[in-house]
Amino acid sequence: MIPTEYTNIGNFENNRTRAYKDGKIGIINSEGKVIIPIEYTNIGNFENNRARVYKDGKIGIIDSEGKVIVPIEYTHIGNFENNRAHVHKGKKQGIINSTGKIIVPVEYNYIGKFHNGRAKAQRNNKMIFIDEMGNEV
């Protein structure tokens, strides 16, 4: 029996569903136990046991048990390619790996896609090339 404290609940899939309360969203199981706290403005779809979460205008990534993998401090997180994703904090960009570790500091105005281990980047109105670890090359 699911408690009536929720304003809405989704359809159960794999014994879990989204639950809505006071304009927030979380995940509960079929017994009504909260798996992921009802504190987010949105939770994306889970892929590889991870999902984007949105809170207070910021984005992060959690695992299927609610553990924060990527801190909820970015304004944008791109798709992961080769274990890396572009992240934005306002107008600055950087790159993280799939564990949330910052690989390239969030201090660039622009970072392009990597080709042959290098990417075009802009910092302080100067175009440069960086390697996959953020070193200028």
Protein backbone atom coordinates (compact mmCIF):
# COMPACT_ATOMS: atom_id res chain seq x y z
CA MET A 1 0.00 0.00 0.00
CA ILE A 2 1.45 3.34 -1.08
CA PRO A 3 1.00 6.26 1.34
CA THR A 4 -1.39 8.98 0.15
CA GLU A 5 1.12 11.74 0.90
CA TYR A 6 2.13 11.92 -2.77
CA THR A 7 0.37 14.13 -5.29
CA ASN A 8 1.12 11.66 -8.05
CA ILE A 9 3.04 8.47 -8.68
CA GLY A 10 4.11 6.96 -11.99
CA ASN A 11 3.82 3.42 -13.28
CA PHE A 12 6.00 0.85 -11.57
CA GLU A 13 8.90 -0.56 -13.51
CA ASN A 14 11.34 -2.97 -11.85
CA ASN A 15 9.56 -2.41 -8.53
CA ARG A 16 10.20 1.37 -8.65
CA THR A 17 8.37 4.51 -9.70
CA ARG A 18 8.63 8.27 -9.58
CA ALA A 19 6.76 9.90 -6.72
CA TYR A 20 5.73 13.57 -6.64
CA LYS A 21 5.13 15.71 -3.57
CA ASP A 22 5.07 19.48 -3.09
CA GLY A 23 6.45 20.08 -6.60
CA LYS A 24 9.40 17.75 -6.06
CA ILE A 25 10.17 14.29 -7.40
CA GLY A 26 11.92 11.19 -6.09
CA ILE A 27 11.77 7.41 -6.45
CA ILE A 28 9.87 4.95 -4.25
CA ASN A 29 9.52 1.18 -4.38
CA SER A 30 6.23 -0.77 -4.47
CA GLU A 31 6.17 -0.89 -0.66
CA GLY A 32 6.28 2.91 -0.45
CA LYS A 33 9.91 3.04 0.74
CA VAL A 34 11.77 6.10 -0.53
CA ILE A 35 14.73 4.96 -2.64
CA ILE A 36 15.72 8.41 -3.92
CA PRO A 37 14.65 11.38 -1.78
CA ILE A 38 11.71 13.50 -2.92
CA GLU A 39 13.87 16.61 -3.37
CA TYR A 40 14.53 17.05 -7.08
CA THR A 41 12.73 19.20 -9.64
CA ASN A 42 13.30 16.48 -12.24
CA ILE A 43 14.96 13.09 -12.60
CA GLY A 44 16.00 11.95 -16.06
CA ASN A 45 15.76 8.42 -17.34
CA PHE A 46 18.21 5.93 -15.90
CA GLU A 47 20.84 4.64 -18.32
CA ASN A 48 23.54 2.31 -17.05
CA ASN A 49 22.12 2.80 -13.54
CA ARG A 50 22.67 6.58 -13.69
CA ALA A 51 20.37 9.53 -14.25
CA ARG A 52 20.62 13.29 -14.44
CA VAL A 53 18.94 15.09 -11.57
CA TYR A 54 17.87 18.71 -11.40
CA LYS A 55 17.70 20.74 -8.21
CA ASP A 56 17.73 24.49 -7.56
CA GLY A 57 18.51 25.20 -11.21
CA LYS A 58 21.56 22.92 -11.25
CA ILE A 59 22.26 19.49 -12.75
CA GLY A 60 24.13 16.48 -11.41
CA ILE A 61 24.09 12.71 -11.80
CA ILE A 62 22.97 10.05 -9.32
CA ASP A 63 23.11 6.27 -9.36
CA SER A 64 20.05 4.02 -9.07
CA GLU A 65 20.28 4.10 -5.26
CA GLY A 66 20.39 7.90 -5.08
CA LYS A 67 24.12 8.29 -4.47
CA VAL A 68 25.43 11.48 -6.07
CA ILE A 69 28.02 10.56 -8.71
CA VAL A 70 28.42 14.02 -10.28
CA PRO A 71 27.76 16.91 -7.88
CA ILE A 72 24.60 18.91 -8.50
CA GLU A 73 26.45 22.11 -9.35
CA TYR A 74 26.48 22.36 -13.14
CA THR A 75 24.22 24.30 -15.50
CA HIS A 76 24.73 21.69 -18.25
CA ILE A 77 26.14 18.19 -18.53
CA GLY A 78 26.69 16.82 -22.02
CA ASN A 79 26.41 13.21 -23.07
CA PHE A 80 29.24 10.91 -22.10
CA GLU A 81 31.51 9.84 -24.95
CA ASN A 82 34.64 7.80 -24.29
CA ASN A 83 34.04 8.13 -20.53
CA ARG A 84 34.02 11.96 -20.74
CA ALA A 85 31.37 14.68 -20.76
CA HIS A 86 31.47 18.43 -21.19
CA VAL A 87 30.11 20.34 -18.21
CA HIS A 88 29.16 23.99 -17.85
CA LYS A 89 29.00 26.31 -14.89
CA GLY A 90 27.37 29.37 -16.36
CA LYS A 91 29.53 30.41 -19.31
CA LYS A 92 32.56 28.34 -18.34
CA GLN A 93 33.20 24.80 -19.58
CA GLY A 94 35.25 21.84 -18.46
CA ILE A 95 35.26 18.05 -18.78
CA ILE A 96 34.49 15.33 -16.24
CA ASN A 97 34.81 11.56 -16.35
CA SER A 98 31.98 9.13 -15.57
CA THR A 99 32.86 9.10 -11.86
CA GLY A 100 32.43 12.88 -11.67
CA LYS A 101 36.14 13.64 -11.45
CA ILE A 102 37.11 16.88 -13.18
CA ILE A 103 39.55 16.07 -15.98
CA VAL A 104 39.69 19.52 -17.58
CA PRO A 105 39.02 22.42 -15.17
CA VAL A 106 35.80 24.38 -15.64
CA GLU A 107 37.57 27.54 -16.77
CA TYR A 108 37.26 27.56 -20.55
CA ASN A 109 34.93 29.66 -22.70
CA TYR A 110 34.82 26.85 -25.24
CA ILE A 111 36.04 23.27 -25.59
CA GLY A 112 35.54 21.40 -28.86
CA LYS A 113 35.35 17.68 -29.46
CA PHE A 114 38.48 15.61 -29.12
CA HIS A 115 40.14 14.28 -32.27
CA ASN A 116 43.34 12.25 -32.03
CA GLY A 117 43.61 13.13 -28.34
CA ARG A 118 43.37 16.90 -28.84
CA ALA A 119 40.62 19.51 -28.73
CA LYS A 120 40.43 23.16 -29.64
CA ALA A 121 39.69 25.31 -26.58
CA GLN A 122 39.34 28.97 -25.73
CA ARG A 123 40.40 30.57 -22.48
CA ASN A 124 40.84 34.28 -21.85
CA ASN A 125 40.03 35.04 -25.51
CA LYS A 126 42.96 32.89 -26.65
CA MET A 127 42.48 29.78 -28.79
CA ILE A 128 44.63 26.82 -27.77
CA PHE A 129 44.72 23.05 -28.07
CA ILE A 130 44.40 20.83 -25.02
CA ASP A 131 45.00 17.12 -24.55
CA GLU A 132 42.54 14.76 -22.87
CA MET A 133 43.90 15.69 -19.44
CA GLY A 134 43.51 19.44 -19.99
CA ASN A 135 47.17 20.17 -20.66
CA GLU A 136 47.92 22.79 -23.29
CA VAL A 137 49.67 21.27 -26.29
